[in-house]
Amino acid sequence: MSCLSTGVFSKNAPILHLLLMIVGVLLLVAGALACSVAVADYWYQKPGYEQYQNTSCLTTAYEFVETRCSSCDGLIVYHKYSCEAEDCYNEVMSVSYITWNGTLVNSTV
């Protein structure tokens, strides 16, 4: 014989079943509520998610330029700023990509 048919559990079985059903229904309602809140938040934030989705871009032009530029350290030597010429390196890239709403963007980076 099982302990449900003899002893303390047999007298309280309907109450335990009712209590377990109430707990189950409360968990189900809480889960449905949490899910609906998450879905509503997703639909509210969806435009922001789409704006920052990963996309690929096409490099249409690349240029590496070496120039001479002056660098001044801000120290005054004999009533003049201390400046000297040095090599400067610049990279210029032109890229092209399509945004989430289909707009073609051409940009220089």
Protein backbone atom coordinates (compact mmCIF):
# COMPACT_ATOMS: atom_id res chain seq x y z
CA MET A 1 0.00 0.00 0.00
CA SER A 2 1.10 3.52 -0.63
CA CYS A 3 1.39 6.20 1.97
CA LEU A 4 -1.40 8.16 0.28
CA SER A 5 -4.04 5.55 1.05
CA THR A 6 -2.97 5.10 4.65
CA GLY A 7 -2.03 7.79 7.08
CA VAL A 8 -2.03 11.55 7.11
CA PHE A 9 -1.89 12.18 3.33
CA SER A 10 -5.14 10.38 2.62
CA LYS A 11 -7.16 12.85 4.67
CA ASN A 12 -5.48 15.94 3.16
CA ALA A 13 -5.20 14.69 -0.44
CA PRO A 14 -7.95 16.94 -1.87
CA ILE A 15 -6.46 19.99 -0.17
CA LEU A 16 -2.94 19.14 -1.44
CA HIS A 17 -4.22 18.62 -4.98
CA LEU A 18 -6.05 21.93 -4.84
CA LEU A 19 -2.97 23.68 -3.47
CA LEU A 20 -0.77 22.19 -6.20
CA MET A 21 -3.27 23.26 -8.86
CA ILE A 22 -3.36 26.81 -7.51
CA VAL A 23 0.45 26.99 -7.46
CA GLY A 24 0.58 25.63 -11.03
CA VAL A 25 -1.97 28.16 -12.28
CA LEU A 26 -0.11 31.01 -10.55
CA LEU A 27 3.18 29.93 -12.16
CA LEU A 28 1.46 29.68 -15.55
CA VAL A 29 -0.06 33.16 -15.20
CA ALA A 30 3.27 34.62 -14.04
CA GLY A 31 5.07 33.04 -17.01
CA ALA A 32 2.48 34.34 -19.49
CA LEU A 33 2.70 37.82 -17.97
CA ALA A 34 6.51 37.85 -18.13
CA CYS A 35 6.43 36.64 -21.73
CA SER A 36 3.93 39.31 -22.78
CA VAL A 37 6.03 42.02 -21.13
CA ALA A 38 9.14 40.76 -22.95
CA VAL A 39 7.32 40.71 -26.31
CA ALA A 40 5.93 44.21 -25.77
CA ASP A 41 9.41 45.49 -24.88
CA TYR A 42 10.88 43.84 -27.98
CA TRP A 43 8.32 45.49 -30.27
CA TYR A 44 8.92 48.83 -28.59
CA GLN A 45 12.72 48.53 -28.99
CA LYS A 46 12.66 46.87 -32.46
CA PRO A 47 13.50 50.03 -34.49
CA GLY A 48 16.59 50.54 -32.33
CA TYR A 49 17.64 46.92 -32.83
CA GLU A 50 17.22 47.21 -36.58
CA GLN A 51 19.25 50.41 -36.72
CA TYR A 52 22.32 48.70 -35.26
CA GLN A 53 22.13 45.33 -36.98
CA ASN A 54 25.32 44.00 -38.45
CA THR A 55 25.76 44.85 -42.08
CA SER A 56 28.50 44.45 -44.62
CA CYS A 57 30.14 47.35 -46.35
CA LEU A 58 32.05 47.70 -49.57
CA THR A 59 35.31 49.63 -49.57
CA THR A 60 35.14 51.65 -52.77
CA ALA A 61 38.43 53.56 -52.38
CA TYR A 62 41.44 53.42 -50.11
CA GLU A 63 44.25 55.94 -49.95
CA PHE A 64 47.32 56.08 -47.74
CA VAL A 65 48.93 59.52 -47.71
CA GLU A 66 52.23 60.62 -46.18
CA THR A 67 52.53 64.35 -45.54
CA ARG A 68 54.72 66.72 -43.58
CA CYS A 69 53.10 68.45 -40.65
CA SER A 70 54.33 70.60 -37.82
CA SER A 71 54.30 69.52 -34.23
CA CYS A 72 54.46 72.18 -31.56
CA ASP A 73 55.08 71.09 -28.01
CA GLY A 74 53.93 74.40 -26.49
CA LEU A 75 57.27 75.25 -24.88
CA ILE A 76 58.52 78.76 -25.37
CA VAL A 77 62.21 78.88 -26.28
CA TYR A 78 63.71 82.33 -26.80
CA HIS A 79 60.21 83.88 -26.97
CA LYS A 80 59.15 81.47 -29.73
CA TYR A 81 57.18 78.26 -29.71
CA SER A 82 59.20 75.13 -30.24
CA CYS A 83 57.85 73.58 -33.43
CA GLU A 84 59.30 71.03 -35.77
CA ALA A 85 58.21 69.29 -38.94
CA GLU A 86 57.57 65.55 -38.87
CA ASP A 87 56.02 62.87 -41.05
CA CYS A 88 52.28 62.36 -40.74
CA TYR A 89 50.36 59.42 -42.12
CA ASN A 90 46.70 59.50 -43.09
CA GLU A 91 44.35 56.77 -44.24
CA VAL A 92 41.24 57.68 -46.18
CA MET A 93 38.61 55.07 -47.04
CA SER A 94 35.40 55.47 -48.96
CA VAL A 95 32.77 52.89 -48.04
CA SER A 96 29.32 52.06 -49.30
CA TYR A 97 26.63 50.13 -47.41
CA ILE A 98 22.88 49.66 -47.23
CA THR A 99 20.97 50.44 -44.02
CA TRP A 100 18.12 48.36 -42.59
CA ASN A 101 15.49 50.39 -44.45
CA GLY A 102 17.21 50.04 -47.85
CA THR A 103 19.00 53.39 -47.98
CA LEU A 104 22.36 53.32 -49.77
CA VAL A 105 24.97 55.24 -47.81
CA ASN A 106 28.31 56.39 -49.25
CA SER A 107 30.74 57.71 -46.67
CA THR A 108 34.38 58.63 -46.16
CA VAL A 109 36.11 57.29 -43.09
